[in-house]
Amino acid sequence: MNAFVGVSEQLFTQEELRELLQSMSHQPGYYFLRWPHAVSGILEKLPEEFPSPEGQMFNFDRELRWKQQKPGLYTVLILSNNGETAGFTAIDGNWKTQQRDAYGYRTDETRFPRSLIYPESLAPRFSEDKTQTNKPKLAQRYFIDANTSTVHFVALTVEMPQ
């Protein structure tokens, strides 16, 4: 796999951002949207409230993060295992990746004011749970500068069942 970290060469409008996300989403793919007052939880489809000021789309090979720069205009960061992507300028670094398990919290734990939403199609891991499932699992991918061994980005990803 060829690690790539890049930033969009242009600002995207709301419609262009939606088109970009739809063109780069592979199944299974998920979204996580953030507003100053709330988060969406992990979703399978873009909600009607899209776009949010910040958010991310992730699947098994990449994560796209967007952030509003001006009203209606967004920059996009890509963290990919598939090499360079057209329309994105590489961020300097000798990138390598490591994939790790990601763990969630059960709905009966009081870690957050409200429970985090997981879709039925995704199997979150819980630290004490050893249950095997044929559903994709939530994971994280570290983007590490191989020259300094510094982790610069941690991306959400999906681990496909074996």
N, C-alpha and C. Protein backbone atom coordinates (compact mmCIF):
# COMPACT_ATOMS: atom_id res chain seq x y z
N MET A 1 0.84 -1.18 0.00
CA MET A 1 0.00 0.00 0.00
C MET A 1 0.88 1.24 0.00
N ASN A 2 0.39 2.26 -0.66
CA ASN A 2 1.14 3.47 -0.88
C ASN A 2 0.49 4.61 -0.09
N ALA A 3 1.04 5.00 1.05
CA ALA A 3 0.45 6.04 1.89
C ALA A 3 0.55 7.40 1.21
N PHE A 4 -0.53 8.17 1.29
CA PHE A 4 -0.58 9.52 0.73
C PHE A 4 -1.34 10.42 1.67
N VAL A 5 -0.78 11.58 1.95
CA VAL A 5 -1.43 12.62 2.73
C VAL A 5 -1.43 13.86 1.86
N GLY A 6 -2.61 14.41 1.61
CA GLY A 6 -2.70 15.58 0.73
C GLY A 6 -3.82 16.51 1.12
N VAL A 7 -3.73 17.73 0.62
CA VAL A 7 -4.75 18.74 0.87
C VAL A 7 -5.29 19.21 -0.48
N SER A 8 -6.56 19.57 -0.50
CA SER A 8 -7.19 19.97 -1.76
C SER A 8 -6.52 21.21 -2.33
N GLU A 9 -6.42 21.23 -3.64
CA GLU A 9 -5.80 22.35 -4.34
C GLU A 9 -6.74 23.53 -4.45
N GLN A 10 -8.02 23.30 -4.22
CA GLN A 10 -9.03 24.34 -4.35
C GLN A 10 -10.00 24.26 -3.17
N LEU A 11 -10.76 25.32 -2.97
CA LEU A 11 -11.86 25.28 -2.01
C LEU A 11 -13.07 24.67 -2.72
N PHE A 12 -13.80 23.84 -2.01
CA PHE A 12 -14.98 23.18 -2.57
C PHE A 12 -16.25 23.88 -2.09
N THR A 13 -17.21 24.02 -2.99
CA THR A 13 -18.54 24.49 -2.59
C THR A 13 -19.26 23.32 -1.94
N GLN A 14 -20.43 23.57 -1.37
CA GLN A 14 -21.19 22.49 -0.74
C GLN A 14 -21.51 21.38 -1.73
N GLU A 15 -21.93 21.75 -2.92
CA GLU A 15 -22.28 20.74 -3.93
C GLU A 15 -21.05 19.98 -4.41
N GLU A 16 -19.94 20.68 -4.62
CA GLU A 16 -18.71 20.02 -5.04
C GLU A 16 -18.20 19.06 -3.95
N LEU A 17 -18.34 19.46 -2.70
CA LEU A 17 -17.94 18.60 -1.59
C LEU A 17 -18.78 17.33 -1.57
N ARG A 18 -20.08 17.47 -1.73
CA ARG A 18 -20.97 16.30 -1.77
C ARG A 18 -20.57 15.37 -2.91
N GLU A 19 -20.32 15.93 -4.09
CA GLU A 19 -19.93 15.12 -5.25
C GLU A 19 -18.59 14.41 -5.00
N LEU A 20 -17.63 15.11 -4.39
CA LEU A 20 -16.34 14.50 -4.08
C LEU A 20 -16.51 13.32 -3.13
N LEU A 21 -17.29 13.52 -2.07
CA LEU A 21 -17.50 12.45 -1.10
C LEU A 21 -18.18 11.25 -1.74
N GLN A 22 -19.17 11.50 -2.57
CA GLN A 22 -19.87 10.39 -3.22
C GLN A 22 -18.97 9.67 -4.21
N SER A 23 -18.09 10.40 -4.90
CA SER A 23 -17.21 9.75 -5.88
C SER A 23 -16.11 8.93 -5.21
N MET A 24 -15.74 9.28 -3.99
CA MET A 24 -14.65 8.57 -3.30
C MET A 24 -15.14 7.57 -2.27
N SER A 25 -16.45 7.48 -2.08
CA SER A 25 -16.93 6.53 -1.08
C SER A 25 -17.03 5.14 -1.70
N HIS A 26 -16.49 4.18 -1.01
CA HIS A 26 -16.59 2.77 -1.39
C HIS A 26 -17.34 2.08 -0.26
N GLN A 27 -18.08 1.06 -0.61
CA GLN A 27 -18.84 0.35 0.41
C GLN A 27 -17.97 -0.69 1.08
N PRO A 28 -18.01 -0.85 2.37
CA PRO A 28 -18.77 -0.01 3.27
C PRO A 28 -18.03 1.30 3.55
N GLY A 29 -18.78 2.39 3.60
CA GLY A 29 -18.24 3.70 3.90
C GLY A 29 -19.11 4.38 4.93
N TYR A 30 -18.51 5.26 5.71
CA TYR A 30 -19.22 5.89 6.82
C TYR A 30 -18.86 7.36 6.91
N TYR A 31 -19.71 8.11 7.60
CA TYR A 31 -19.55 9.55 7.78
C TYR A 31 -19.63 9.88 9.26
N PHE A 32 -18.90 10.93 9.64
CA PHE A 32 -18.99 11.48 10.99
C PHE A 32 -18.95 12.99 10.84
N LEU A 33 -20.03 13.66 11.22
CA LEU A 33 -20.17 15.11 11.04
C LEU A 33 -20.12 15.81 12.39
N ARG A 34 -19.52 17.03 12.39
CA ARG A 34 -19.38 17.79 13.63
C ARG A 34 -19.87 19.22 13.43
N TRP A 35 -20.64 19.68 14.41
CA TRP A 35 -21.07 21.06 14.53
C TRP A 35 -20.56 21.57 15.87
N PRO A 36 -20.55 22.87 16.11
CA PRO A 36 -20.08 23.36 17.41
C PRO A 36 -20.87 22.81 18.60
N HIS A 37 -22.13 22.45 18.38
CA HIS A 37 -23.00 22.01 19.48
C HIS A 37 -23.32 20.52 19.47
N ALA A 38 -22.88 19.77 18.46
CA ALA A 38 -23.30 18.36 18.35
C ALA A 38 -22.40 17.60 17.39
N VAL A 39 -22.50 16.26 17.49
CA VAL A 39 -21.88 15.37 16.52
C VAL A 39 -22.96 14.43 16.00
N SER A 40 -22.73 13.88 14.82
CA SER A 40 -23.75 13.03 14.20
C SER A 40 -23.71 11.59 14.68
N GLY A 41 -22.58 11.15 15.19
CA GLY A 41 -22.37 9.72 15.36
C GLY A 41 -21.90 9.18 14.02
N ILE A 42 -21.66 7.90 13.95
CA ILE A 42 -21.19 7.30 12.70
C ILE A 42 -22.41 6.91 11.87
N LEU A 43 -22.45 7.43 10.65
CA LEU A 43 -23.61 7.25 9.77
C LEU A 43 -23.21 6.56 8.48
N GLU A 44 -24.17 5.85 7.87
CA GLU A 44 -23.91 5.19 6.58
C GLU A 44 -24.17 6.11 5.39
N LYS A 45 -25.00 7.13 5.56
CA LYS A 45 -25.35 8.05 4.48
C LYS A 45 -25.20 9.48 4.98
N LEU A 46 -25.00 10.38 4.05
CA LEU A 46 -24.97 11.79 4.42
C LEU A 46 -26.37 12.22 4.85
N PRO A 47 -26.49 12.86 6.00
CA PRO A 47 -27.81 13.28 6.44
C PRO A 47 -28.27 14.54 5.71
N GLU A 48 -29.54 14.89 5.87
CA GLU A 48 -30.08 16.09 5.23
C GLU A 48 -29.41 17.34 5.76
N GLU A 49 -28.87 17.29 6.99
CA GLU A 49 -28.21 18.45 7.59
C GLU A 49 -26.84 18.72 6.98
N PHE A 50 -26.40 17.89 6.04
CA PHE A 50 -25.12 18.09 5.38
C PHE A 50 -25.16 19.38 4.59
N PRO A 51 -24.08 20.15 4.54
CA PRO A 51 -22.79 19.87 5.17
C PRO A 51 -22.72 20.43 6.58
N SER A 52 -21.80 19.88 7.32
CA SER A 52 -21.48 20.38 8.64
C SER A 52 -20.20 21.21 8.51
N PRO A 53 -19.90 22.06 9.47
CA PRO A 53 -18.66 22.84 9.38
C PRO A 53 -17.41 21.96 9.29
N GLU A 54 -17.45 20.79 9.92
CA GLU A 54 -16.34 19.84 9.87
C GLU A 54 -16.91 18.44 9.80
N GLY A 55 -16.11 17.52 9.26
CA GLY A 55 -16.55 16.14 9.25
C GLY A 55 -15.56 15.26 8.53
N GLN A 56 -15.93 14.00 8.43
CA GLN A 56 -15.07 13.06 7.75
C GLN A 56 -15.89 11.93 7.13
N MET A 57 -15.36 11.42 6.04
CA MET A 57 -15.89 10.24 5.38
C MET A 57 -14.75 9.23 5.40
N PHE A 58 -15.05 8.00 5.78
CA PHE A 58 -13.99 7.00 5.81
C PHE A 58 -14.49 5.66 5.33
N ASN A 59 -13.57 4.89 4.76
CA ASN A 59 -13.83 3.52 4.33
C ASN A 59 -12.55 2.73 4.53
N PHE A 60 -12.41 1.59 3.88
CA PHE A 60 -11.27 0.71 4.13
C PHE A 60 -9.95 1.24 3.60
N ASP A 61 -9.96 2.19 2.66
CA ASP A 61 -8.69 2.64 2.09
C ASP A 61 -8.38 4.12 2.25
N ARG A 62 -9.33 4.93 2.72
CA ARG A 62 -9.05 6.36 2.86
C ARG A 62 -10.00 7.04 3.83
N GLU A 63 -9.55 8.20 4.28
CA GLU A 63 -10.40 9.10 5.04
C GLU A 63 -10.29 10.47 4.40
N LEU A 64 -11.43 11.12 4.20
CA LEU A 64 -11.48 12.50 3.73
C LEU A 64 -12.02 13.35 4.88
N ARG A 65 -11.32 14.42 5.22
CA ARG A 65 -11.78 15.34 6.25
C ARG A 65 -12.04 16.69 5.60
N TRP A 66 -13.15 17.29 5.94
CA TRP A 66 -13.42 18.62 5.42
C TRP A 66 -13.56 19.60 6.57
N LYS A 67 -13.27 20.86 6.26
CA LYS A 67 -13.37 21.93 7.24
C LYS A 67 -13.78 23.20 6.51
N GLN A 68 -14.78 23.87 7.05
CA GLN A 68 -15.26 25.10 6.43
C GLN A 68 -14.24 26.21 6.64
N GLN A 69 -13.89 26.90 5.54
CA GLN A 69 -12.94 28.01 5.60
C GLN A 69 -13.66 29.36 5.55
N LYS A 70 -14.67 29.44 4.72
CA LYS A 70 -15.54 30.61 4.58
C LYS A 70 -16.95 30.05 4.44
N PRO A 71 -17.96 30.85 4.65
CA PRO A 71 -19.32 30.32 4.49
C PRO A 71 -19.50 29.66 3.12
N GLY A 72 -19.83 28.38 3.12
CA GLY A 72 -20.08 27.64 1.89
C GLY A 72 -18.85 27.14 1.15
N LEU A 73 -17.63 27.35 1.71
CA LEU A 73 -16.40 26.89 1.05
C LEU A 73 -15.57 26.05 2.01
N TYR A 74 -15.05 24.91 1.51
CA TYR A 74 -14.41 23.91 2.35
C TYR A 74 -13.06 23.49 1.80
N THR A 75 -12.11 23.22 2.71
CA THR A 75 -10.87 22.56 2.33
C THR A 75 -11.03 21.09 2.68
N VAL A 76 -10.29 20.24 1.98
CA VAL A 76 -10.38 18.80 2.20
C VAL A 76 -8.98 18.23 2.37
N LEU A 77 -8.83 17.38 3.38
CA LEU A 77 -7.59 16.64 3.63
C LEU A 77 -7.87 15.19 3.30
N ILE A 78 -6.94 14.54 2.58
CA ILE A 78 -7.10 13.11 2.29
C ILE A 78 -5.97 12.34 2.96
N LEU A 79 -6.33 11.25 3.60
CA LEU A 79 -5.40 10.31 4.22
C LEU A 79 -5.68 8.97 3.56
N SER A 80 -4.79 8.54 2.67
CA SER A 80 -5.09 7.40 1.81
C SER A 80 -4.00 6.34 1.83
N ASN A 81 -4.40 5.12 1.59
CA ASN A 81 -3.49 4.00 1.41
C ASN A 81 -3.31 3.66 -0.07
N ASN A 82 -3.89 4.47 -0.96
CA ASN A 82 -3.88 4.18 -2.40
C ASN A 82 -3.01 5.11 -3.21
N GLY A 83 -2.05 5.75 -2.62
CA GLY A 83 -1.16 6.63 -3.37
C GLY A 83 -1.80 7.96 -3.69
N GLU A 84 -1.13 8.71 -4.57
CA GLU A 84 -1.56 10.06 -4.89
C GLU A 84 -2.96 10.09 -5.46
N THR A 85 -3.65 11.20 -5.19
CA THR A 85 -5.01 11.40 -5.66
C THR A 85 -5.07 12.71 -6.43
N ALA A 86 -5.63 12.68 -7.62
CA ALA A 86 -5.73 13.88 -8.46
C ALA A 86 -6.53 14.96 -7.73
N GLY A 87 -6.06 16.21 -7.86
CA GLY A 87 -6.74 17.34 -7.22
C GLY A 87 -6.26 17.63 -5.82
N PHE A 88 -5.28 16.84 -5.33
CA PHE A 88 -4.74 17.03 -3.98
C PHE A 88 -3.24 17.21 -4.05
N THR A 89 -2.73 18.18 -3.29
CA THR A 89 -1.30 18.44 -3.21
C THR A 89 -0.73 17.68 -2.03
N ALA A 90 0.33 16.93 -2.26
CA ALA A 90 0.93 16.10 -1.21
C ALA A 90 1.50 16.98 -0.09
N ILE A 91 1.31 16.54 1.13
CA ILE A 91 1.95 17.16 2.29
C ILE A 91 3.28 16.45 2.46
N ASP A 92 4.34 17.23 2.55
CA ASP A 92 5.68 16.66 2.65
C ASP A 92 5.79 15.68 3.80
N GLY A 93 6.45 14.58 3.54
CA GLY A 93 6.69 13.56 4.54
C GLY A 93 6.97 12.24 3.87
N ASN A 94 7.71 11.41 4.52
CA ASN A 94 7.97 10.05 4.06
C ASN A 94 6.98 9.17 4.81
N TRP A 95 5.74 9.07 4.30
CA TRP A 95 4.63 8.49 5.03
C TRP A 95 4.62 6.97 5.02
N LYS A 96 4.36 6.41 6.18
CA LYS A 96 4.04 4.99 6.31
C LYS A 96 2.82 4.90 7.21
N THR A 97 2.16 3.75 7.19
CA THR A 97 0.95 3.60 8.00
C THR A 97 1.03 2.37 8.87
N GLN A 98 0.26 2.42 9.95
CA GLN A 98 0.03 1.26 10.81
C GLN A 98 -1.45 1.23 11.12
N GLN A 99 -2.05 0.07 11.02
CA GLN A 99 -3.46 -0.06 11.34
C GLN A 99 -3.61 -0.69 12.71
N ARG A 100 -4.53 -0.15 13.50
CA ARG A 100 -4.79 -0.61 14.86
C ARG A 100 -6.29 -0.75 15.07
N ASP A 101 -6.64 -1.55 16.05
CA ASP A 101 -8.04 -1.66 16.44
C ASP A 101 -8.51 -0.32 17.02
N ALA A 102 -9.78 -0.01 16.85
CA ALA A 102 -10.40 1.14 17.49
C ALA A 102 -11.49 0.61 18.40
N TYR A 103 -11.61 1.18 19.57
CA TYR A 103 -12.57 0.72 20.56
C TYR A 103 -13.62 1.79 20.83
N GLY A 104 -14.84 1.35 20.99
CA GLY A 104 -15.94 2.24 21.32
C GLY A 104 -16.35 2.07 22.76
N TYR A 105 -17.39 2.78 23.14
CA TYR A 105 -17.96 2.67 24.48
C TYR A 105 -19.38 2.16 24.37
N ARG A 106 -19.73 1.28 25.28
CA ARG A 106 -21.10 0.75 25.30
C ARG A 106 -22.08 1.86 25.63
N THR A 107 -23.31 1.69 25.17
CA THR A 107 -24.33 2.71 25.38
C THR A 107 -24.68 2.89 26.85
N ASP A 108 -24.37 1.88 27.69
CA ASP A 108 -24.70 2.02 29.12
C ASP A 108 -23.55 2.64 29.93
N GLU A 109 -22.45 3.00 29.28
CA GLU A 109 -21.36 3.70 29.96
C GLU A 109 -21.60 5.20 29.87
N THR A 110 -21.24 5.91 30.91
CA THR A 110 -21.50 7.35 30.95
C THR A 110 -20.24 8.15 30.62
N ARG A 111 -19.65 7.87 29.48
CA ARG A 111 -18.45 8.59 29.03
C ARG A 111 -18.81 9.91 28.35
N PHE A 112 -19.96 9.96 27.70
CA PHE A 112 -20.39 11.13 26.97
C PHE A 112 -21.79 11.51 27.43
N PRO A 113 -22.20 12.76 27.20
CA PRO A 113 -23.56 13.14 27.61
C PRO A 113 -24.63 12.28 26.96
N ARG A 114 -24.39 11.86 25.71
CA ARG A 114 -25.32 10.96 25.01
C ARG A 114 -24.53 9.81 24.41
N SER A 115 -25.21 8.74 24.13
CA SER A 115 -24.55 7.58 23.52
C SER A 115 -24.11 7.92 22.11
N LEU A 116 -22.97 7.38 21.71
CA LEU A 116 -22.50 7.55 20.34
C LEU A 116 -23.24 6.55 19.46
N ILE A 117 -23.67 7.02 18.31
CA ILE A 117 -24.46 6.20 17.39
C ILE A 117 -23.54 5.39 16.48
N TYR A 118 -23.78 4.08 16.39
CA TYR A 118 -23.08 3.20 15.45
C TYR A 118 -24.14 2.60 14.53
N PRO A 119 -23.91 2.53 13.23
CA PRO A 119 -24.89 1.89 12.35
C PRO A 119 -24.89 0.37 12.55
N GLU A 120 -25.97 -0.26 12.17
CA GLU A 120 -26.11 -1.71 12.30
C GLU A 120 -25.05 -2.47 11.49
N SER A 121 -24.61 -1.87 10.38
CA SER A 121 -23.67 -2.56 9.50
C SER A 121 -22.23 -2.54 10.00
N LEU A 122 -21.94 -1.80 11.06
CA LEU A 122 -20.58 -1.67 11.58
C LEU A 122 -20.50 -2.30 12.96
N ALA A 123 -19.46 -3.08 13.19
CA ALA A 123 -19.28 -3.73 14.48
C ALA A 123 -18.22 -2.98 15.30
N PRO A 124 -18.65 -2.13 16.24
CA PRO A 124 -17.65 -1.47 17.08
C PRO A 124 -17.03 -2.48 18.04
N ARG A 125 -15.79 -2.28 18.37
CA ARG A 125 -15.13 -3.14 19.36
C ARG A 125 -15.30 -2.50 20.73
N PHE A 126 -15.47 -3.33 21.73
CA PHE A 126 -15.50 -2.87 23.10
C PHE A 126 -14.38 -3.61 23.82
N SER A 127 -13.68 -2.94 24.72
CA SER A 127 -12.44 -3.48 25.28
C SER A 127 -12.60 -4.88 25.88
N GLU A 128 -13.73 -5.16 26.50
CA GLU A 128 -13.89 -6.47 27.13
C GLU A 128 -14.60 -7.49 26.24
N ASP A 129 -15.00 -7.09 25.05
CA ASP A 129 -15.79 -7.94 24.16
C ASP A 129 -14.88 -8.69 23.19
N LYS A 130 -15.01 -10.00 23.13
CA LYS A 130 -14.21 -10.83 22.22
C LYS A 130 -15.09 -11.51 21.17
N THR A 131 -16.31 -11.01 20.97
CA THR A 131 -17.25 -11.59 20.04
C THR A 131 -16.76 -11.44 18.60
N GLN A 132 -16.84 -12.52 17.84
CA GLN A 132 -16.49 -12.49 16.43
C GLN A 132 -17.75 -12.20 15.62
N THR A 133 -17.59 -11.43 14.56
CA THR A 133 -18.72 -11.09 13.70
C THR A 133 -18.25 -10.99 12.26
N ASN A 134 -19.18 -11.11 11.32
CA ASN A 134 -18.84 -10.98 9.91
C ASN A 134 -19.07 -9.55 9.40
N LYS A 135 -19.31 -8.63 10.30
CA LYS A 135 -19.49 -7.24 9.93
C LYS A 135 -18.13 -6.53 9.90
N PRO A 136 -18.03 -5.46 9.10
CA PRO A 136 -16.81 -4.64 9.15
C PRO A 136 -16.63 -4.07 10.55
N LYS A 137 -15.38 -3.90 10.96
CA LYS A 137 -15.09 -3.37 12.30
C LYS A 137 -14.45 -1.99 12.17
N LEU A 138 -14.72 -1.16 13.16
CA LEU A 138 -14.10 0.16 13.23
C LEU A 138 -12.63 -0.01 13.60
N ALA A 139 -11.76 0.70 12.88
CA ALA A 139 -10.32 0.63 13.14
C ALA A 139 -9.74 2.03 12.97
N GLN A 140 -8.45 2.14 13.24
CA GLN A 140 -7.76 3.42 13.04
C GLN A 140 -6.45 3.17 12.31
N ARG A 141 -6.05 4.14 11.51
CA ARG A 141 -4.81 4.02 10.75
C ARG A 141 -3.93 5.21 11.12
N TYR A 142 -2.72 4.91 11.57
CA TYR A 142 -1.76 5.95 11.93
C TYR A 142 -0.95 6.31 10.69
N PHE A 143 -0.83 7.61 10.41
CA PHE A 143 0.04 8.11 9.34
C PHE A 143 1.29 8.65 10.02
N ILE A 144 2.39 7.97 9.78
CA ILE A 144 3.64 8.20 10.50
C ILE A 144 4.71 8.68 9.52
N ASP A 145 5.46 9.71 9.92
CA ASP A 145 6.62 10.14 9.14
C ASP A 145 7.73 9.13 9.43
N ALA A 146 8.12 8.37 8.42
CA ALA A 146 9.11 7.30 8.60
C ALA A 146 10.47 7.84 9.02
N ASN A 147 10.77 9.10 8.70
CA ASN A 147 12.07 9.67 9.06
C ASN A 147 12.17 10.00 10.54
N THR A 148 11.05 10.42 11.14
CA THR A 148 11.07 10.85 12.54
C THR A 148 10.28 9.93 13.47
N SER A 149 9.53 8.99 12.92
CA SER A 149 8.64 8.10 13.67
C SER A 149 7.55 8.85 14.43
N THR A 150 7.21 10.04 13.94
CA THR A 150 6.16 10.84 14.56
C THR A 150 4.82 10.54 13.91
N VAL A 151 3.81 10.26 14.72
CA VAL A 151 2.45 10.08 14.22
C VAL A 151 1.87 11.47 14.00
N HIS A 152 1.51 11.77 12.75
CA HIS A 152 0.96 13.09 12.43
C HIS A 152 -0.56 13.07 12.32
N PHE A 153 -1.12 11.95 11.88
CA PHE A 153 -2.57 11.85 11.70
C PHE A 153 -3.03 10.48 12.16
N VAL A 154 -4.23 10.44 12.74
CA VAL A 154 -4.89 9.18 13.06
C VAL A 154 -6.23 9.21 12.34
N ALA A 155 -6.40 8.32 11.37
CA ALA A 155 -7.60 8.28 10.54
C ALA A 155 -8.49 7.13 10.98
N LEU A 156 -9.80 7.36 10.90
CA LEU A 156 -10.73 6.25 11.08
C LEU A 156 -10.70 5.42 9.81
N THR A 157 -10.87 4.13 9.96
CA THR A 157 -10.92 3.23 8.81
C THR A 157 -11.83 2.06 9.15
N VAL A 158 -12.02 1.21 8.18
CA VAL A 158 -12.87 0.03 8.35
C VAL A 158 -12.02 -1.20 8.09
N GLU A 159 -12.07 -2.13 9.02
CA GLU A 159 -11.39 -3.41 8.85
C GLU A 159 -12.41 -4.43 8.37
N MET A 160 -12.13 -4.98 7.20
CA MET A 160 -13.08 -5.92 6.60
C MET A 160 -12.94 -7.29 7.29
N PRO A 161 -14.06 -8.02 7.39
CA PRO A 161 -13.99 -9.34 8.03
C PRO A 161 -13.10 -10.30 7.25
N GLN A 162 -12.44 -11.19 7.95
CA GLN A 162 -11.52 -12.15 7.31
C GLN A 162 -12.27 -13.36 6.83
